[in-house]
Protein backbone atom coordinates (compact mmCIF):
# COMPACT_ATOMS: atom_id res chain seq x y z
CA MET A 1 0.13 -0.11 0.11
CA LYS A 2 1.62 3.13 -1.24
CA ILE A 3 0.59 6.51 0.44
CA LYS A 4 0.81 9.67 -1.50
CA MET A 5 3.32 11.73 0.49
CA SER A 6 -0.02 14.63 0.45
CA GLU A 7 -1.68 12.33 2.91
CA LYS A 8 -1.77 11.82 6.18
CA LEU A 9 -1.75 8.72 8.30
CA ASN A 10 -3.59 8.18 11.60
CA ASN A 11 -0.83 6.68 12.94
CA PRO A 12 2.66 8.15 12.05
CA PHE A 13 4.19 4.86 13.87
CA LEU A 14 4.20 2.37 10.68
CA VAL A 15 4.84 -0.77 11.07
CA ASN A 16 4.21 -2.08 7.61
CA GLY A 17 5.92 -0.73 4.87
CA TYR A 18 7.30 2.12 3.49
CA HIS A 19 5.19 5.35 3.25
CA SER A 20 7.57 8.05 2.31
CA PRO A 21 10.13 10.02 3.70
CA VAL A 22 8.23 12.10 5.83
CA TYR A 23 7.80 9.14 8.02
CA PHE A 24 11.51 7.75 7.44
CA CYS A 25 13.88 8.99 10.29
CA ASP A 26 16.97 8.68 12.01
CA ARG A 27 18.99 7.04 9.01
CA LYS A 28 20.32 9.41 7.28
CA THR A 29 24.32 8.69 7.53
CA GLU A 30 22.72 5.07 6.17
CA THR A 31 20.74 6.70 3.48
CA GLU A 32 23.66 8.47 2.17
CA LYS A 33 25.94 5.57 2.42
CA ILE A 34 23.94 3.26 -0.26
CA ILE A 35 23.17 5.74 -2.59
CA SER A 36 27.29 6.77 -2.83
CA ALA A 37 28.32 2.90 -2.75
CA LEU A 38 25.08 2.43 -5.94
CA SER A 39 26.01 5.47 -7.59
CA ASN A 40 30.04 4.11 -7.62
CA ASP A 41 28.93 0.69 -8.83
CA ARG A 42 29.42 -1.10 -6.17
CA ASN A 43 27.76 -4.10 -4.47
CA ILE A 44 26.06 -3.41 -0.57
CA SER A 45 24.79 -6.23 1.54
CA LEU A 46 22.36 -4.98 4.58
CA ILE A 47 22.64 -7.63 7.35
CA SER A 48 20.18 -7.13 10.46
CA PRO A 49 17.27 -9.54 12.22
CA ARG A 50 14.36 -9.32 10.65
CA ARG A 51 11.72 -6.13 11.35
CA LEU A 52 14.46 -3.80 11.76
CA GLY A 53 13.78 -1.51 8.75
CA LYS A 54 16.17 -3.17 5.80
CA THR A 55 13.57 -3.02 3.09
CA GLY A 56 12.02 0.77 4.30
CA LEU A 57 15.96 1.83 4.07
CA ILE A 58 16.25 0.23 0.80
CA HIS A 59 13.04 2.36 -0.61
CA ASN A 60 14.09 5.72 0.94
CA ALA A 61 17.78 5.31 -0.63
CA PHE A 62 16.10 4.57 -4.07
CA LEU A 63 13.87 7.79 -3.64
CA SER A 64 16.25 10.25 -2.55
CA ALA A 65 18.73 9.18 -4.91
CA GLU A 66 16.31 9.65 -7.62
CA GLN A 67 15.04 12.85 -6.18
CA ALA A 68 18.50 14.25 -6.13
CA ARG A 69 18.88 13.82 -9.96
């Protein structure tokens, strides 16, 4: 389920999926490192226990890289 950037969610504490940068926080350094690695044709691996935001981090990195273009 994708939410438009202009839409407000009833609960800002998301537990399922990536909705927008508005609801994504505290991962700026990681996002910048991923964008840098991908723009320099380097491979990366994200390893952590499940449900800690790996997929959301990737979505945020791709959206941020796209917006930076």
